[in-house]
Amino acid sequence: MGDWRENVRHYQMTGAEWLNTPPRRGRILADGVGFGKTRTALTSIRLQLEAGTIQNPCIPVLTTAIGREDWRTEANGNAFKKAFWPELKVHVIGVDDPKNQRVSES
């Protein structure tokens, strides 16, 4: 198994590094649909862990009900998608069943 960085696109790494530059407060990652915002955010956390700037992270993520499963799947994988960070524990608070089905992201 290779380095986890092999599964991060260049622009995602650039975004993660930008998220980690001071000031970290108040940053919003607003890339377009399909650019991998979830992976960019996870990469940001992994870089901070490796640098020792955070330890034992508990990172709250604000997302839509529809987006909850995307976070689980991106981190831990499923039958169709390889895990990016299989050892990460993802805890979801709230109702997992979205009232609206995904029609589009726009």
PDB file of N, CA and C in Angstrom:
ATOM      1  N   MET A   1       0.848  -1.178   0.000  1.00  0.00           N
ATOM      2  CA  MET A   1       0.000   0.000   0.000  1.00  0.00           C
ATOM      3  C   MET A   1       0.894   1.242   0.000  1.00  0.00           C
ATOM      4  N   GLY A   2       0.621   2.150  -0.916  1.00  0.00           N
ATOM      5  CA  GLY A   2       1.444   3.341  -1.053  1.00  0.00           C
ATOM      6  C   GLY A   2       1.083   4.427  -0.048  1.00  0.00           C
ATOM      7  N   ASP A   3       1.768   5.512  -0.193  1.00  0.00           N
ATOM      8  CA  ASP A   3       1.525   6.678   0.641  1.00  0.00           C
ATOM      9  C   ASP A   3       0.129   7.229   0.351  1.00  0.00           C
ATOM     10  N   TRP A   4      -0.568   7.690   1.363  1.00  0.00           N
ATOM     11  CA  TRP A   4      -1.924   8.195   1.190  1.00  0.00           C
ATOM     12  C   TRP A   4      -1.967   9.393   0.248  1.00  0.00           C
ATOM     13  N   ARG A   5      -0.849  10.113   0.130  1.00  0.00           N
ATOM     14  CA  ARG A   5      -0.784  11.294  -0.744  1.00  0.00           C
ATOM     15  C   ARG A   5      -0.975  10.940  -2.221  1.00  0.00           C
ATOM     16  N   GLU A   6      -0.707   9.698  -2.570  1.00  0.00           N
ATOM     17  CA  GLU A   6      -0.887   9.262  -3.955  1.00  0.00           C
ATOM     18  C   GLU A   6      -2.350   9.359  -4.392  1.00  0.00           C
ATOM     19  N   ASN A   7      -3.264   9.381  -3.436  1.00  0.00           N
ATOM     20  CA  ASN A   7      -4.696   9.440  -3.732  1.00  0.00           C
ATOM     21  C   ASN A   7      -5.270  10.849  -3.593  1.00  0.00           C
ATOM     22  N   VAL A   8      -4.391  11.854  -3.559  1.00  0.00           N
ATOM     23  CA  VAL A   8      -4.828  13.244  -3.449  1.00  0.00           C
ATOM     24  C   VAL A   8      -4.376  13.973  -4.706  1.00  0.00           C
ATOM     25  N   ARG A   9      -5.301  14.653  -5.356  1.00  0.00           N
ATOM     26  CA  ARG A   9      -4.951  15.425  -6.544  1.00  0.00           C
ATOM     27  C   ARG A   9      -4.174  16.676  -6.134  1.00  0.00           C
ATOM     28  N   HIS A  10      -3.423  17.218  -7.087  1.00  0.00           N
ATOM     29  CA  HIS A  10      -2.581  18.379  -6.815  1.00  0.00           C
ATOM     30  C   HIS A  10      -3.387  19.545  -6.247  1.00  0.00           C
ATOM     31  N   TYR A  11      -4.516  19.857  -6.866  1.00  0.00           N
ATOM     32  CA  TYR A  11      -5.313  20.993  -6.401  1.00  0.00           C
ATOM     33  C   TYR A  11      -5.942  20.718  -5.036  1.00  0.00           C
ATOM     34  N   GLN A  12      -6.189  19.446  -4.704  1.00  0.00           N
ATOM     35  CA  GLN A  12      -6.696  19.122  -3.371  1.00  0.00           C
ATOM     36  C   GLN A  12      -5.617  19.337  -2.321  1.00  0.00           C
ATOM     37  N   MET A  13      -4.380  18.971  -2.631  1.00  0.00           N
ATOM     38  CA  MET A  13      -3.267  19.196  -1.703  1.00  0.00           C
ATOM     39  C   MET A  13      -3.049  20.695  -1.519  1.00  0.00           C
ATOM     40  N   THR A  14      -3.127  21.460  -2.611  1.00  0.00           N
ATOM     41  CA  THR A  14      -2.978  22.913  -2.525  1.00  0.00           C
ATOM     42  C   THR A  14      -4.071  23.498  -1.633  1.00  0.00           C
ATOM     43  N   GLY A  15      -5.304  23.030  -1.802  1.00  0.00           N
ATOM     44  CA  GLY A  15      -6.410  23.497  -0.969  1.00  0.00           C
ATOM     45  C   GLY A  15      -6.221  23.140   0.494  1.00  0.00           C
ATOM     46  N   ALA A  16      -5.732  21.931   0.753  1.00  0.00           N
ATOM     47  CA  ALA A  16      -5.499  21.493   2.136  1.00  0.00           C
ATOM     48  C   ALA A  16      -4.403  22.329   2.791  1.00  0.00           C
ATOM     49  N   GLU A  17      -3.346  22.612   2.043  1.00  0.00           N
ATOM     50  CA  GLU A  17      -2.278  23.448   2.586  1.00  0.00           C
ATOM     51  C   GLU A  17      -2.783  24.862   2.855  1.00  0.00           C
ATOM     52  N   TRP A  18      -3.651  25.378   1.978  1.00  0.00           N
ATOM     53  CA  TRP A  18      -4.241  26.708   2.181  1.00  0.00           C
ATOM     54  C   TRP A  18      -5.104  26.719   3.444  1.00  0.00           C
ATOM     55  N   LEU A  19      -5.878  25.646   3.646  1.00  0.00           N
ATOM     56  CA  LEU A  19      -6.707  25.560   4.851  1.00  0.00           C
ATOM     57  C   LEU A  19      -5.851  25.571   6.115  1.00  0.00           C
ATOM     58  N   ASN A  20      -4.646  25.047   6.008  1.00  0.00           N
ATOM     59  CA  ASN A  20      -3.771  24.932   7.179  1.00  0.00           C
ATOM     60  C   ASN A  20      -2.896  26.156   7.424  1.00  0.00           C
ATOM     61  N   THR A  21      -2.927  27.141   6.540  1.00  0.00           N
ATOM     62  CA  THR A  21      -2.128  28.335   6.769  1.00  0.00           C
ATOM     63  C   THR A  21      -2.896  29.292   7.667  1.00  0.00           C
ATOM     64  N   PRO A  22      -2.197  29.964   8.567  1.00  0.00           N
ATOM     65  CA  PRO A  22      -2.890  30.905   9.463  1.00  0.00           C
ATOM     66  C   PRO A  22      -3.520  32.035   8.670  1.00  0.00           C
ATOM     67  N   PRO A  23      -4.649  32.560   9.067  1.00  0.00           N
ATOM     68  CA  PRO A  23      -5.456  32.078  10.189  1.00  0.00           C
ATOM     69  C   PRO A  23      -6.360  30.937   9.732  1.00  0.00           C
ATOM     70  N   ARG A  24      -6.407  29.852  10.503  1.00  0.00           N
ATOM     71  CA  ARG A  24      -7.262  28.717  10.156  1.00  0.00           C
ATOM     72  C   ARG A  24      -8.729  29.016  10.425  1.00  0.00           C
ATOM     73  N   ARG A  25      -9.005  29.952  11.283  1.00  0.00           N
ATOM     74  CA  ARG A  25     -10.400  30.293  11.579  1.00  0.00           C
ATOM     75  C   ARG A  25     -11.004  31.084  10.427  1.00  0.00           C
ATOM     76  N   GLY A  26     -12.206  30.774  10.102  1.00  0.00           N
ATOM     77  CA  GLY A  26     -12.925  31.548   9.112  1.00  0.00           C
ATOM     78  C   GLY A  26     -12.681  31.139   7.671  1.00  0.00           C
ATOM     79  N   ARG A  27     -11.985  30.060   7.423  1.00  0.00           N
ATOM     80  CA  ARG A  27     -11.747  29.609   6.059  1.00  0.00           C
ATOM     81  C   ARG A  27     -12.943  28.798   5.575  1.00  0.00           C
ATOM     82  N   ILE A  28     -13.318  29.023   4.338  1.00  0.00           N
ATOM     83  CA  ILE A  28     -14.405  28.261   3.717  1.00  0.00           C
ATOM     84  C   ILE A  28     -13.868  27.634   2.446  1.00  0.00           C
ATOM     85  N   LEU A  29     -14.010  26.343   2.338  1.00  0.00           N
ATOM     86  CA  LEU A  29     -13.618  25.630   1.132  1.00  0.00           C
ATOM     87  C   LEU A  29     -14.864  25.518   0.256  1.00  0.00           C
ATOM     88  N   ALA A  30     -14.883  26.252  -0.832  1.00  0.00           N
ATOM     89  CA  ALA A  30     -16.086  26.333  -1.667  1.00  0.00           C
ATOM     90  C   ALA A  30     -15.778  25.953  -3.110  1.00  0.00           C
ATOM     91  N   ASP A  31     -15.031  24.880  -3.299  1.00  0.00           N
ATOM     92  CA  ASP A  31     -14.763  24.394  -4.648  1.00  0.00           C
ATOM     93  C   ASP A  31     -16.067  23.941  -5.292  1.00  0.00           C
ATOM     94  N   GLY A  32     -16.049  23.819  -6.583  1.00  0.00           N
ATOM     95  CA  GLY A  32     -17.232  23.397  -7.322  1.00  0.00           C
ATOM     96  C   GLY A  32     -17.559  21.926  -7.113  1.00  0.00           C
ATOM     97  N   VAL A  33     -18.683  21.533  -7.659  1.00  0.00           N
ATOM     98  CA  VAL A  33     -19.150  20.154  -7.567  1.00  0.00           C
ATOM     99  C   VAL A  33     -18.130  19.226  -8.215  1.00  0.00           C
ATOM    100  N   GLY A  34     -17.785  18.159  -7.511  1.00  0.00           N
ATOM    101  CA  GLY A  34     -16.905  17.143  -8.063  1.00  0.00           C
ATOM    102  C   GLY A  34     -15.417  17.400  -7.894  1.00  0.00           C
ATOM    103  N   PHE A  35     -15.040  18.482  -7.218  1.00  0.00           N
ATOM    104  CA  PHE A  35     -13.624  18.782  -7.030  1.00  0.00           C
ATOM    105  C   PHE A  35     -13.026  18.072  -5.825  1.00  0.00           C
ATOM    106  N   GLY A  36     -13.824  17.430  -5.007  1.00  0.00           N
ATOM    107  CA  GLY A  36     -13.285  16.667  -3.890  1.00  0.00           C
ATOM    108  C   GLY A  36     -13.078  17.473  -2.630  1.00  0.00           C
ATOM    109  N   LYS A  37     -14.082  18.259  -2.255  1.00  0.00           N
ATOM    110  CA  LYS A  37     -13.978  19.074  -1.035  1.00  0.00           C
ATOM    111  C   LYS A  37     -13.792  18.201   0.203  1.00  0.00           C
ATOM    112  N   THR A  38     -14.469  17.075   0.243  1.00  0.00           N
ATOM    113  CA  THR A  38     -14.344  16.177   1.393  1.00  0.00           C
ATOM    114  C   THR A  38     -12.913  15.663   1.507  1.00  0.00           C
ATOM    115  N   ARG A  39     -12.346  15.208   0.404  1.00  0.00           N
ATOM    116  CA  ARG A  39     -10.969  14.702   0.431  1.00  0.00           C
ATOM    117  C   ARG A  39      -9.990  15.818   0.775  1.00  0.00           C
ATOM    118  N   THR A  40     -10.232  17.034   0.283  1.00  0.00           N
ATOM    119  CA  THR A  40      -9.364  18.162   0.611  1.00  0.00           C
ATOM    120  C   THR A  40      -9.386  18.428   2.111  1.00  0.00           C
ATOM    121  N   ALA A  41     -10.582  18.414   2.704  1.00  0.00           N
ATOM    122  CA  ALA A  41     -10.705  18.645   4.150  1.00  0.00           C
ATOM    123  C   ALA A  41     -10.024  17.525   4.938  1.00  0.00           C
ATOM    124  N   LEU A  42     -10.209  16.283   4.518  1.00  0.00           N
ATOM    125  CA  LEU A  42      -9.556  15.162   5.196  1.00  0.00           C
ATOM    126  C   LEU A  42      -8.033  15.252   5.060  1.00  0.00           C
ATOM    127  N   THR A  43      -7.565  15.685   3.907  1.00  0.00           N
ATOM    128  CA  THR A  43      -6.126  15.870   3.694  1.00  0.00           C
ATOM    129  C   THR A  43      -5.583  16.936   4.628  1.00  0.00           C
ATOM    130  N   SER A  44      -6.331  18.011   4.809  1.00  0.00           N
ATOM    131  CA  SER A  44      -5.931  19.072   5.733  1.00  0.00           C
ATOM    132  C   SER A  44      -5.725  18.516   7.142  1.00  0.00           C
ATOM    133  N   ILE A  45      -6.642  17.689   7.581  1.00  0.00           N
ATOM    134  CA  ILE A  45      -6.549  17.100   8.917  1.00  0.00           C
ATOM    135  C   ILE A  45      -5.345  16.159   9.013  1.00  0.00           C
ATOM    136  N   ARG A  46      -5.149  15.336   7.975  1.00  0.00           N
ATOM    137  CA  ARG A  46      -4.014  14.403   7.989  1.00  0.00           C
ATOM    138  C   ARG A  46      -2.681  15.144   8.030  1.00  0.00           C
ATOM    139  N   LEU A  47      -2.577  16.231   7.278  1.00  0.00           N
ATOM    140  CA  LEU A  47      -1.340  17.023   7.290  1.00  0.00           C
ATOM    141  C   LEU A  47      -1.079  17.615   8.671  1.00  0.00           C
ATOM    142  N   GLN A  48      -2.131  18.083   9.330  1.00  0.00           N
ATOM    143  CA  GLN A  48      -1.979  18.638  10.677  1.00  0.00           C
ATOM    144  C   GLN A  48      -1.561  17.559  11.668  1.00  0.00           C
ATOM    145  N   LEU A  49      -2.124  16.369  11.539  1.00  0.00           N
ATOM    146  CA  LEU A  49      -1.726  15.258  12.412  1.00  0.00           C
ATOM    147  C   LEU A  49      -0.257  14.919  12.221  1.00  0.00           C
ATOM    148  N   GLU A  50       0.179  14.828  10.975  1.00  0.00           N
ATOM    149  CA  GLU A  50       1.573  14.498  10.695  1.00  0.00           C
ATOM    150  C   GLU A  50       2.527  15.582  11.196  1.00  0.00           C
ATOM    151  N   ALA A  51       2.098  16.840  11.108  1.00  0.00           N
ATOM    152  CA  ALA A  51       2.941  17.957  11.565  1.00  0.00           C
ATOM    153  C   ALA A  51       2.929  18.100  13.079  1.00  0.00           C
ATOM    154  N   GLY A  52       2.003  17.413  13.733  1.00  0.00           N
ATOM    155  CA  GLY A  52       1.904  17.491  15.183  1.00  0.00           C
ATOM    156  C   GLY A  52       1.177  18.724  15.687  1.00  0.00           C
ATOM    157  N   THR A  53       0.486  19.442  14.793  1.00  0.00           N
ATOM    158  CA  THR A  53      -0.232  20.644  15.222  1.00  0.00           C
ATOM    159  C   THR A  53      -1.556  20.301  15.883  1.00  0.00           C
ATOM    160  N   ILE A  54      -2.064  19.102  15.634  1.00  0.00           N
ATOM    161  CA  ILE A  54      -3.237  18.606  16.362  1.00  0.00           C
ATOM    162  C   ILE A  54      -2.967  17.161  16.755  1.00  0.00           C
ATOM    163  N   GLN A  55      -3.605  16.733  17.825  1.00  0.00           N
ATOM    164  CA  GLN A  55      -3.487  15.356  18.285  1.00  0.00           C
ATOM    165  C   GLN A  55      -4.875  14.875  18.660  1.00  0.00           C
ATOM    166  N   ASN A  56      -5.158  13.634  18.345  1.00  0.00           N
ATOM    167  CA  ASN A  56      -6.468  13.047  18.649  1.00  0.00           C
ATOM    168  C   ASN A  56      -7.605  13.991  18.245  1.00  0.00           C
ATOM    169  N   PRO A  57      -7.721  14.273  16.957  1.00  0.00           N
ATOM    170  CA  PRO A  57      -8.684  15.285  16.535  1.00  0.00           C
ATOM    171  C   PRO A  57     -10.133  14.847  16.695  1.00  0.00           C
ATOM    172  N   CYS A  58     -10.921  15.786  17.052  1.00  0.00           N
ATOM    173  CA  CYS A  58     -12.368  15.649  17.000  1.00  0.00           C
ATOM    174  C   CYS A  58     -12.813  16.862  16.189  1.00  0.00           C
ATOM    175  N   ILE A  59     -13.040  16.664  14.931  1.00  0.00           N
ATOM    176  CA  ILE A  59     -13.314  17.759  14.003  1.00  0.00           C
ATOM    177  C   ILE A  59     -14.794  17.729  13.632  1.00  0.00           C
ATOM    178  N   PRO A  60     -15.548  18.725  14.059  1.00  0.00           N
ATOM    179  CA  PRO A  60     -16.960  18.765  13.656  1.00  0.00           C
ATOM    180  C   PRO A  60     -17.078  19.206  12.198  1.00  0.00           C
ATOM    181  N   VAL A  61     -17.984  18.583  11.492  1.00  0.00           N
ATOM    182  CA  VAL A  61     -18.227  18.909  10.095  1.00  0.00           C
ATOM    183  C   VAL A  61     -19.692  19.257   9.936  1.00  0.00           C
ATOM    184  N   LEU A  62     -19.948  20.427   9.398  1.00  0.00           N
ATOM    185  CA  LEU A  62     -21.310  20.854   9.132  1.00  0.00           C
ATOM    186  C   LEU A  62     -21.621  20.521   7.687  1.00  0.00           C
ATOM    187  N   THR A  63     -22.602  19.678   7.482  1.00  0.00           N
ATOM    188  CA  THR A  63     -22.966  19.266   6.130  1.00  0.00           C
ATOM    189  C   THR A  63     -24.468  19.027   6.064  1.00  0.00           C
ATOM    190  N   THR A  64     -24.937  18.859   4.865  1.00  0.00           N
ATOM    191  CA  THR A  64     -26.354  18.563   4.672  1.00  0.00           C
ATOM    192  C   THR A  64     -26.636  17.117   5.048  1.00  0.00           C
ATOM    193  N   ALA A  65     -27.897  16.793   5.238  1.00  0.00           N
ATOM    194  CA  ALA A  65     -28.272  15.407   5.537  1.00  0.00           C
ATOM    195  C   ALA A  65     -27.841  14.484   4.400  1.00  0.00           C
ATOM    196  N   ILE A  66     -27.955  14.969   3.184  1.00  0.00           N
ATOM    197  CA  ILE A  66     -27.553  14.164   2.031  1.00  0.00           C
ATOM    198  C   ILE A  66     -26.043  13.950   2.038  1.00  0.00           C
ATOM    199  N   GLY A  67     -25.281  14.937   2.508  1.00  0.00           N
ATOM    200  CA  GLY A  67     -23.831  14.858   2.493  1.00  0.00           C
ATOM    201  C   GLY A  67     -23.221  13.969   3.561  1.00  0.00           C
ATOM    202  N   ARG A  68     -23.989  13.584   4.549  1.00  0.00           N
ATOM    203  CA  ARG A  68     -23.434  12.754   5.639  1.00  0.00           C
ATOM    204  C   ARG A  68     -22.836  11.458   5.138  1.00  0.00           C
ATOM    205  N   GLU A  69     -23.562  10.783   4.284  1.00  0.00           N
ATOM    206  CA  GLU A  69     -23.067   9.503   3.773  1.00  0.00           C
ATOM    207  C   GLU A  69     -21.827   9.712   2.906  1.00  0.00           C
ATOM    208  N   ASP A  70     -21.742  10.850   2.213  1.00  0.00           N
ATOM    209  CA  ASP A  70     -20.560  11.149   1.414  1.00  0.00           C
ATOM    210  C   ASP A  70     -19.310  11.191   2.286  1.00  0.00           C
ATOM    211  N   TRP A  71     -19.411  11.797   3.485  1.00  0.00           N
ATOM    212  CA  TRP A  71     -18.264  11.861   4.386  1.00  0.00           C
ATOM    213  C   TRP A  71     -17.857  10.477   4.849  1.00  0.00           C
ATOM    214  N   ARG A  72     -18.827   9.671   5.223  1.00  0.00           N
ATOM    215  CA  ARG A  72     -18.522   8.296   5.658  1.00  0.00           C
ATOM    216  C   ARG A  72     -17.842   7.525   4.539  1.00  0.00           C
ATOM    217  N   THR A  73     -18.427   7.606   3.352  1.00  0.00           N
ATOM    218  CA  THR A  73     -17.918   6.848   2.218  1.00  0.00           C
ATOM    219  C   THR A  73     -16.525   7.312   1.816  1.00  0.00           C
ATOM    220  N   GLU A  74     -16.304   8.622   1.770  1.00  0.00           N
ATOM    221  CA  GLU A  74     -14.992   9.144   1.369  1.00  0.00           C
ATOM    222  C   GLU A  74     -13.913   8.701   2.347  1.00  0.00           C
ATOM    223  N   ALA A  75     -14.197   8.747   3.613  1.00  0.00           N
ATOM    224  CA  ALA A  75     -13.191   8.364   4.612  1.00  0.00           C
ATOM    225  C   ALA A  75     -13.029   6.854   4.700  1.00  0.00           C
ATOM    226  N   ASN A  76     -14.117   6.153   4.886  1.00  0.00           N
ATOM    227  CA  ASN A  76     -14.055   4.731   5.223  1.00  0.00           C
ATOM    228  C   ASN A  76     -14.338   3.776   4.073  1.00  0.00           C
ATOM    229  N   GLY A  77     -14.787   4.310   2.927  1.00  0.00           N
ATOM    230  CA  GLY A  77     -15.055   3.466   1.772  1.00  0.00           C
ATOM    231  C   GLY A  77     -16.359   2.691   1.901  1.00  0.00           C
ATOM    232  N   ASN A  78     -16.676   1.984   0.860  1.00  0.00           N
ATOM    233  CA  ASN A  78     -17.827   1.073   0.848  1.00  0.00           C
ATOM    234  C   ASN A  78     -17.577   0.017  -0.224  1.00  0.00           C
ATOM    235  N   ALA A  79     -18.596  -0.714  -0.604  1.00  0.00           N
ATOM    236  CA  ALA A  79     -18.414  -1.787  -1.582  1.00  0.00           C
ATOM    237  C   ALA A  79     -17.975  -1.272  -2.946  1.00  0.00           C
ATOM    238  N   PHE A  80     -18.245   0.007  -3.235  1.00  0.00           N
ATOM    239  CA  PHE A  80     -17.953   0.561  -4.552  1.00  0.00           C
ATOM    240  C   PHE A  80     -16.771   1.529  -4.564  1.00  0.00           C
ATOM    241  N   LYS A  81     -16.366   2.021  -3.405  1.00  0.00           N
ATOM    242  CA  LYS A  81     -15.330   3.052  -3.342  1.00  0.00           C
ATOM    243  C   LYS A  81     -14.272   2.670  -2.317  1.00  0.00           C
ATOM    244  N   LYS A  82     -13.007   2.786  -2.712  1.00  0.00           N
ATOM    245  CA  LYS A  82     -11.890   2.478  -1.826  1.00  0.00           C
ATOM    246  C   LYS A  82     -11.785   3.530  -0.724  1.00  0.00           C
ATOM    247  N   ALA A  83     -11.438   3.105   0.467  1.00  0.00           N
ATOM    248  CA  ALA A  83     -11.312   4.004   1.619  1.00  0.00           C
ATOM    249  C   ALA A  83     -10.085   4.897   1.462  1.00  0.00           C
ATOM    250  N   PHE A  84     -10.224   6.172   1.782  1.00  0.00           N
ATOM    251  CA  PHE A  84      -9.113   7.121   1.807  1.00  0.00           C
ATOM    252  C   PHE A  84      -8.417   7.085   3.159  1.00  0.00           C
ATOM    253  N   TRP A  85      -9.206   6.901   4.217  1.00  0.00           N
ATOM    254  CA  TRP A  85      -8.667   6.914   5.577  1.00  0.00           C
ATOM    255  C   TRP A  85      -9.431   5.879   6.397  1.00  0.00           C
ATOM    256  N   PRO A  86      -9.180   4.598   6.171  1.00  0.00           N
ATOM    257  CA  PRO A  86      -9.993   3.537   6.784  1.00  0.00           C
ATOM    258  C   PRO A  86      -9.991   3.521   8.303  1.00  0.00           C
ATOM    259  N   GLU A  87      -8.888   3.971   8.931  1.00  0.00           N
ATOM    260  CA  GLU A  87      -8.826   3.929  10.395  1.00  0.00           C
ATOM    261  C   GLU A  87      -9.514   5.120  11.062  1.00  0.00           C
ATOM    262  N   LEU A  88      -9.970   6.090  10.283  1.00  0.00           N
ATOM    263  CA  LEU A  88     -10.652   7.249  10.838  1.00  0.00           C
ATOM    264  C   LEU A  88     -12.033   6.845  11.353  1.00  0.00           C
ATOM    265  N   LYS A  89     -12.353   7.273  12.567  1.00  0.00           N
ATOM    266  CA  LYS A  89     -13.667   7.003  13.133  1.00  0.00           C
ATOM    267  C   LYS A  89     -14.587   8.169  12.795  1.00  0.00           C
ATOM    268  N   VAL A  90     -15.629   7.887  12.051  1.00  0.00           N
ATOM    269  CA  VAL A  90     -16.593   8.908  11.639  1.00  0.00           C
ATOM    270  C   VAL A  90     -17.861   8.716  12.451  1.00  0.00           C
ATOM    271  N   HIS A  91     -18.246   9.745  13.181  1.00  0.00           N
ATOM    272  CA  HIS A  91     -19.475   9.711  13.966  1.00  0.00           C
ATOM    273  C   HIS A  91     -20.429  10.748  13.385  1.00  0.00           C
ATOM    274  N   VAL A  92     -21.620  10.323  13.080  1.00  0.00           N
ATOM    275  CA  VAL A  92     -22.613  11.218  12.495  1.00  0.00           C
ATOM    276  C   VAL A  92     -23.702  11.485  13.516  1.00  0.00           C
ATOM    277  N   ILE A  93     -23.985  12.753  13.715  1.00  0.00           N
ATOM    278  CA  ILE A  93     -25.052  13.146  14.633  1.00  0.00           C
ATOM    279  C   ILE A  93     -26.215  13.644  13.799  1.00  0.00           C
ATOM    280  N   GLY A  94     -27.384  13.158  14.085  1.00  0.00           N
ATOM    281  CA  GLY A  94     -28.564  13.583  13.346  1.00  0.00           C
ATOM    282  C   GLY A  94     -29.227  12.395  12.673  1.00  0.00           C
ATOM    283  N   VAL A  95     -30.280  12.680  11.988  1.00  0.00           N
ATOM    284  CA  VAL A  95     -31.031  11.647  11.282  1.00  0.00           C
ATOM    285  C   VAL A  95     -30.295  11.330   9.995  1.00  0.00           C
ATOM    286  N   ASP A  96     -30.004  10.053   9.769  1.00  0.00           N
ATOM    287  CA  ASP A  96     -29.243   9.666   8.584  1.00  0.00           C
ATOM    288  C   ASP A  96     -30.085   9.605   7.317  1.00  0.00           C
ATOM    289  N   ASP A  97     -31.373   9.523   7.435  1.00  0.00           N
ATOM    290  CA  ASP A  97     -32.218   9.364   6.265  1.00  0.00           C
ATOM    291  C   ASP A  97     -32.670  10.743   5.772  1.00  0.00           C
ATOM    292  N   PRO A  98     -32.081  11.248   4.688  1.00  0.00           N
ATOM    293  CA  PRO A  98     -32.488  12.579   4.195  1.00  0.00           C
ATOM    294  C   PRO A  98     -33.919  12.567   3.712  1.00  0.00           C
ATOM    295  N   LYS A  99     -34.623  13.676   3.961  1.00  0.00           N
ATOM    296  CA  LYS A  99     -36.014  13.773   3.526  1.00  0.00           C
ATOM    297  C   LYS A  99     -36.109  13.935   2.016  1.00  0.00           C
ATOM    298  N   ASN A 100     -35.089  14.528   1.425  1.00  0.00           N
ATOM    299  CA  ASN A 100     -35.087  14.729  -0.023  1.00  0.00           C
ATOM    300  C   ASN A 100     -33.985  13.894  -0.655  1.00  0.00           C
ATOM    301  N   GLN A 101     -34.287  13.288  -1.758  1.00  0.00           N
ATOM    302  CA  GLN A 101     -33.275  12.540  -2.483  1.00  0.00           C
ATOM    303  C   GLN A 101     -32.437  13.503  -3.314  1.00  0.00           C
ATOM    304  N   ARG A 102     -31.181  13.166  -3.504  1.00  0.00           N
ATOM    305  CA  ARG A 102     -30.265  14.007  -4.276  1.00  0.00           C
ATOM    306  C   ARG A 102     -30.717  14.046  -5.733  1.00  0.00           C
ATOM    307  N   VAL A 103     -30.988  15.220  -6.214  1.00  0.00           N
ATOM    308  CA  VAL A 103     -31.324  15.410  -7.616  1.00  0.00           C
ATOM    309  C   VAL A 103     -30.119  15.998  -8.325  1.00  0.00           C
ATOM    310  N   SER A 104     -29.542  17.044  -7.741  1.00  0.00           N
ATOM    311  CA  SER A 104     -28.319  17.629  -8.273  1.00  0.00           C
ATOM    312  C   SER A 104     -27.646  18.397  -7.150  1.00  0.00           C
ATOM    313  N   GLU A 105     -26.412  18.753  -7.361  1.00  0.00           N
ATOM    314  CA  GLU A 105     -25.673  19.511  -6.357  1.00  0.00           C
ATOM    315  C   GLU A 105     -25.855  21.018  -6.540  1.00  0.00           C
ATOM    316  N   SER A 106     -26.338  21.421  -7.695  1.00  0.00           N
ATOM    317  CA  SER A 106     -26.448  22.860  -7.959  1.00  0.00           C
ATOM    318  C   SER A 106     -27.723  23.457  -7.466  1.00  0.00           C
TER     319      SER A 106
END
